[in-house]
Amino acid sequence: MSKSKILIADDNAPNVELLEAYLDGLDCEIAVAVDGRDTLTKVAEFQPDLILLDIMMPKLSGFEVCKTLKRDPTTKQIMILMVTALNELGDIERAVAAGCDDFLSKPVNKVELLKRIENMLKLRQVTDELERLRRYIDSMEEPPTERA
């Protein structure tokens, strides 16, 4: 099985460094995006399994990035963990409405972050396997092609 890929999307360099340090013990590939548009570009290039997505970013907010990714059939399966200083109930509701899979407020607790990442990556693997099995079953149910 290939390594999981995690994209950190945050415009604040110290936040990125902290998240990278927290993820240091995980067996995964990490990429970084510095704003909303860069996040969408990196998603296309890197194809992450999970995005740690800040809400307050230049060019496109995390809300806009999340909505864009969850509307697209090719990226909607990517797990999105909003990691933000915003922690009002309305912000959480907006994040959920945008399609995020989980929400974590800053300052981030390392143990909580790692446990959520572990759970989200497990869920992603199970979802991918379920989709693979569904496609296999569908292919088995297709009528045989007629021979000429």
Protein backbone atom coordinates (compact mmCIF):
# COMPACT_ATOMS: atom_id res chain seq x y z
CA MET A 1 0.00 0.00 0.00
CA SER A 2 1.31 3.45 -0.88
CA LYS A 3 2.03 6.14 1.68
CA SER A 4 -0.80 8.48 2.56
CA LYS A 5 -0.49 12.01 1.20
CA ILE A 6 -1.30 15.02 3.37
CA LEU A 7 -1.53 18.57 2.06
CA ILE A 8 -1.07 21.40 4.58
CA ALA A 9 -2.85 24.53 3.30
CA ASP A 10 -2.01 27.54 5.44
CA ASP A 11 -0.60 30.99 4.62
CA ASN A 12 1.11 31.34 8.01
CA ALA A 13 4.65 29.87 7.88
CA PRO A 14 4.93 29.22 11.67
CA ASN A 15 1.63 27.29 11.56
CA VAL A 16 2.90 25.20 8.65
CA GLU A 17 6.17 24.48 10.48
CA LEU A 18 4.28 23.42 13.61
CA LEU A 19 1.97 21.09 11.66
CA GLU A 20 4.94 19.61 9.78
CA ALA A 21 6.70 18.99 13.12
CA TYR A 22 3.57 17.30 14.51
CA LEU A 23 3.33 15.07 11.41
CA ASP A 24 7.03 14.20 11.47
CA GLY A 25 6.47 10.74 13.00
CA LEU A 26 3.80 9.72 10.47
CA ASP A 27 4.68 7.55 7.49
CA CYS A 28 3.24 9.92 4.90
CA GLU A 29 4.15 12.34 2.13
CA ILE A 30 3.54 16.01 2.90
CA ALA A 31 3.05 18.97 0.58
CA VAL A 32 2.33 22.60 1.44
CA ALA A 33 0.06 25.20 -0.17
CA VAL A 34 0.29 28.87 0.78
CA ASP A 35 -3.11 30.23 -0.31
CA GLY A 36 -6.48 29.10 -1.65
CA ARG A 37 -5.56 29.05 -5.33
CA ASP A 38 -2.26 27.31 -4.58
CA THR A 39 -4.23 24.70 -2.65
CA LEU A 40 -6.36 23.86 -5.70
CA THR A 41 -3.23 23.64 -7.87
CA LYS A 42 -1.44 21.40 -5.36
CA VAL A 43 -4.49 19.14 -5.06
CA ALA A 44 -4.38 18.53 -8.81
CA GLU A 45 -0.62 17.87 -8.77
CA PHE A 46 -0.17 16.03 -5.46
CA GLN A 47 -3.55 14.22 -5.20
CA PRO A 48 -3.67 14.17 -1.39
CA ASP A 49 -5.71 11.79 0.74
CA LEU A 50 -6.18 14.46 3.40
CA ILE A 51 -5.98 18.25 3.51
CA LEU A 52 -5.29 20.23 6.69
CA LEU A 53 -7.07 23.37 5.52
CA ASP A 54 -6.88 26.80 7.12
CA ILE A 55 -9.99 28.93 6.65
CA MET A 56 -8.49 32.42 6.59
CA MET A 57 -6.23 32.41 3.52
CA PRO A 58 -5.62 34.89 0.70
CA LYS A 59 -7.01 34.51 -2.84
CA LEU A 60 -9.62 31.90 -1.84
CA SER A 61 -10.81 31.14 1.69
CA GLY A 62 -10.76 27.63 3.08
CA PHE A 63 -14.56 27.64 2.81
CA GLU A 64 -14.33 28.35 -0.94
CA VAL A 65 -11.58 25.76 -1.46
CA CYS A 66 -13.58 23.13 0.42
CA LYS A 67 -16.78 23.83 -1.57
CA THR A 68 -14.85 23.66 -4.85
CA LEU A 69 -13.20 20.34 -3.97
CA LYS A 70 -16.36 18.70 -2.63
CA ARG A 71 -18.38 19.70 -5.73
CA ASP A 72 -15.86 18.09 -8.09
CA PRO A 73 -16.37 14.32 -8.57
CA THR A 74 -12.61 13.83 -8.98
CA THR A 75 -11.76 15.46 -5.63
CA LYS A 76 -14.86 15.05 -3.47
CA GLN A 77 -13.41 11.94 -1.78
CA ILE A 78 -10.43 13.87 -0.35
CA MET A 79 -10.77 14.15 3.42
CA ILE A 80 -10.71 17.77 4.64
CA LEU A 81 -9.83 18.72 8.20
CA MET A 82 -10.39 22.44 8.75
CA VAL A 83 -7.69 23.73 11.11
CA THR A 84 -8.44 27.31 12.07
CA ALA A 85 -8.35 30.04 14.68
CA LEU A 86 -12.05 30.62 13.99
CA ASN A 87 -14.03 28.71 16.59
CA GLU A 88 -17.44 30.34 16.79
CA LEU A 89 -20.47 28.10 16.27
CA GLY A 90 -21.25 29.95 13.03
CA ASP A 91 -17.77 29.19 11.68
CA ILE A 92 -18.19 25.49 12.43
CA GLU A 93 -21.59 25.52 10.71
CA ARG A 94 -20.08 27.25 7.65
CA ALA A 95 -17.26 24.68 7.54
CA VAL A 96 -19.73 21.80 7.69
CA ALA A 97 -21.93 23.47 5.05
CA ALA A 98 -18.84 23.82 2.83
CA GLY A 99 -18.36 20.05 3.08
CA CYS A 100 -15.45 19.62 5.48
CA ASP A 101 -15.10 16.23 7.10
CA ASP A 102 -13.86 17.47 10.47
CA PHE A 103 -12.98 20.70 12.26
CA LEU A 104 -10.15 21.52 14.68
CA SER A 105 -9.53 24.84 16.40
CA LYS A 106 -6.13 26.45 16.91
CA PRO A 107 -4.04 26.23 18.95
CA VAL A 108 -3.87 22.61 17.84
CA ASN A 109 -3.32 19.85 20.37
CA LYS A 110 -0.80 17.40 18.86
CA VAL A 111 -2.44 14.23 20.24
CA GLU A 112 -5.89 15.31 19.07
CA LEU A 113 -4.59 16.27 15.63
CA LEU A 114 -2.74 12.99 15.12
CA LYS A 115 -5.72 10.90 16.27
CA ARG A 116 -8.07 12.74 13.92
CA ILE A 117 -5.63 12.33 11.05
CA GLU A 118 -5.27 8.62 11.80
CA ASN A 119 -9.06 8.16 11.87
CA MET A 120 -9.61 10.19 8.71
CA LEU A 121 -6.95 8.27 6.79
CA LYS A 122 -8.46 4.95 7.92
CA LEU A 123 -11.87 6.15 6.76
CA ARG A 124 -10.38 7.21 3.43
CA GLN A 125 -8.82 3.75 2.96
CA VAL A 126 -12.10 2.00 3.77
CA THR A 127 -14.01 4.31 1.43
CA ASP A 128 -11.50 3.71 -1.37
CA GLU A 129 -11.74 -0.07 -0.87
CA LEU A 130 -15.55 0.08 -0.87
CA GLU A 131 -15.49 2.05 -4.13
CA ARG A 132 -13.05 -0.44 -5.68
CA LEU A 133 -15.31 -3.34 -4.68
CA ARG A 134 -18.39 -1.54 -6.00
CA ARG A 135 -16.71 -1.05 -9.38
CA TYR A 136 -15.66 -4.72 -9.42
CA ILE A 137 -19.21 -5.89 -8.66
CA ASP A 138 -20.60 -3.56 -11.31
CA SER A 139 -18.18 -5.00 -13.87
CA MET A 140 -19.24 -8.54 -12.95
CA GLU A 141 -22.90 -7.67 -13.47
CA GLU A 142 -22.38 -6.20 -16.95
CA PRO A 143 -23.70 -8.47 -19.70
CA PRO A 144 -21.00 -10.12 -21.79
CA THR A 145 -20.27 -8.36 -25.06
CA GLU A 146 -21.48 -10.10 -28.17
CA ARG A 147 -18.84 -11.69 -30.34
CA ALA A 148 -18.84 -10.89 -34.05
